Amino acid sequence: MIDLKKATEKAKGFIVEMEGEQKEFHLESALLSSDKKNWEVVFSYKKALEHINDLQKILGLKERKIYKKVIIDNDKIEIIGYSDAAFDKSVLVWMNIWLISSENINRKEY
């Protein structure tokens, strides 16, 4: 069995192994299942947009936030799952709209 710190370190290490070193890693959540069998760890990081369209230029968007979920077997201390984190997308959409509008209200460069 592993503790919270070891679970998050293992998850981050796995993401770096799969995706390469990324900028601005943030721990979003780390939960031990109620049966104590698995850790579910979610990290986010920013990734530069490869092709920026006109709207993204106007809004000053140059990168996007990626969420990755890693599931770790608590007994074997092995990665047993890896995916894009499945947050409630409607909440994320509204959060992004709010962030975009609040960050760019006073922008003069179009």
Protein backbone atom coordinates (compact mmCIF):
# COMPACT_ATOMS: atom_id res chain seq x y z
CA MET A 1 0.00 0.00 0.00
CA ILE A 2 1.11 3.56 -0.68
CA ASP A 3 0.23 6.91 0.83
CA LEU A 4 -1.11 10.02 -0.87
CA LYS A 5 2.31 11.55 -1.56
CA LYS A 6 3.68 8.39 -3.20
CA ALA A 7 0.49 7.96 -5.26
CA THR A 8 0.73 11.50 -6.65
CA GLU A 9 4.46 11.13 -7.37
CA LYS A 10 3.86 7.85 -9.22
CA ALA A 11 0.99 9.36 -11.23
CA LYS A 12 2.99 12.44 -12.22
CA GLY A 13 5.98 10.29 -13.18
CA PHE A 14 3.75 8.16 -15.39
CA ILE A 15 2.25 11.20 -17.13
CA VAL A 16 5.74 12.55 -17.83
CA GLU A 17 6.75 9.13 -19.18
CA MET A 18 3.72 9.04 -21.50
CA GLU A 19 3.42 12.70 -22.53
CA GLY A 20 6.88 14.15 -21.91
CA GLU A 21 7.75 16.95 -19.51
CA GLN A 22 5.00 19.58 -19.50
CA LYS A 23 4.79 23.04 -18.05
CA GLU A 24 2.67 24.03 -15.08
CA PHE A 25 1.71 20.64 -13.67
CA HIS A 26 -1.10 21.00 -11.12
CA LEU A 27 -2.55 18.32 -8.89
CA GLU A 28 -6.32 18.56 -9.35
CA SER A 29 -7.42 15.63 -7.18
CA ALA A 30 -6.15 12.48 -5.50
CA LEU A 31 -8.69 10.07 -4.07
CA LEU A 32 -8.42 6.66 -2.48
CA SER A 33 -11.41 4.49 -3.37
CA SER A 34 -13.81 3.62 -0.55
CA ASP A 35 -12.63 -0.01 -0.66
CA LYS A 36 -9.01 1.28 -0.48
CA LYS A 37 -8.04 -0.74 -3.59
CA ASN A 38 -7.23 2.10 -6.00
CA TRP A 39 -5.90 5.63 -6.07
CA GLU A 40 -7.41 7.96 -8.67
CA VAL A 41 -5.10 10.90 -9.33
CA VAL A 42 -5.84 13.78 -11.70
CA PHE A 43 -3.21 16.24 -12.90
CA SER A 44 -3.57 19.16 -15.29
CA TYR A 45 -0.95 20.89 -17.38
CA LYS A 46 -0.85 23.48 -20.13
CA LYS A 47 0.02 22.60 -23.70
CA ALA A 48 0.71 25.08 -26.50
CA LEU A 49 -1.83 25.14 -29.31
CA GLU A 50 -0.28 23.91 -32.54
CA HIS A 51 -2.57 25.82 -34.90
CA ILE A 52 -4.08 29.05 -33.63
CA ASN A 53 -7.21 30.28 -35.42
CA ASP A 54 -8.34 33.91 -35.74
CA LEU A 55 -10.68 33.81 -32.74
CA GLN A 56 -7.96 32.34 -30.53
CA LYS A 57 -5.61 35.13 -31.69
CA ILE A 58 -8.20 37.79 -30.85
CA LEU A 59 -8.78 36.26 -27.41
CA GLY A 60 -5.06 35.75 -26.78
CA LEU A 61 -5.37 31.99 -26.40
CA LYS A 62 -2.06 30.27 -27.05
CA GLU A 63 -2.41 27.14 -24.98
CA ARG A 64 -5.00 24.77 -23.60
CA LYS A 65 -5.33 22.93 -20.33
CA ILE A 66 -5.10 19.14 -20.42
CA TYR A 67 -6.47 16.92 -17.63
CA LYS A 68 -5.08 13.39 -17.18
CA LYS A 69 -6.36 10.74 -14.78
CA VAL A 70 -4.13 7.92 -13.52
CA ILE A 71 -5.51 4.96 -11.57
CA ILE A 72 -3.07 3.10 -9.33
CA ASP A 73 -3.61 -0.30 -7.74
CA ASN A 74 -2.96 0.37 -4.05
CA ASP A 75 -1.73 -3.17 -3.26
CA LYS A 76 0.46 -3.89 -6.29
CA ILE A 77 1.47 -0.22 -6.68
CA GLU A 78 0.95 -0.48 -10.44
CA ILE A 79 -0.71 1.84 -12.93
CA ILE A 80 -3.95 0.15 -13.98
CA GLY A 81 -5.62 3.03 -15.83
CA TYR A 82 -4.77 6.18 -17.74
CA SER A 83 -7.13 8.53 -19.55
CA ASP A 84 -8.26 12.08 -20.12
CA ALA A 85 -9.98 13.11 -16.92
CA ALA A 86 -13.75 13.01 -17.32
CA PHE A 87 -14.84 16.12 -15.46
CA ASP A 88 -18.31 17.46 -16.04
CA LYS A 89 -17.67 19.11 -19.40
CA SER A 90 -20.52 21.60 -19.06
CA VAL A 91 -18.86 23.02 -15.94
CA LEU A 92 -15.51 23.24 -17.74
CA VAL A 93 -17.08 24.99 -20.72
CA TRP A 94 -18.70 27.61 -18.50
CA MET A 95 -15.49 28.02 -16.51
CA ASN A 96 -13.52 28.56 -19.73
CA ILE A 97 -16.05 31.08 -21.04
CA TRP A 98 -15.88 32.98 -17.76
CA LEU A 99 -12.06 32.89 -17.75
CA ILE A 100 -11.86 34.00 -21.36
CA SER A 101 -14.25 36.90 -20.84
CA SER A 102 -12.74 38.02 -17.52
CA GLU A 103 -9.14 37.83 -18.78
CA ASN A 104 -9.86 39.77 -21.95
CA ILE A 105 -12.33 42.44 -20.86
CA ASN A 106 -9.76 45.22 -20.89
CA ARG A 107 -7.67 43.98 -23.77
CA LYS A 108 -7.10 46.55 -26.50
CA GLU A 109 -5.12 44.47 -29.01
CA TYR A 110 -7.33 42.84 -31.64
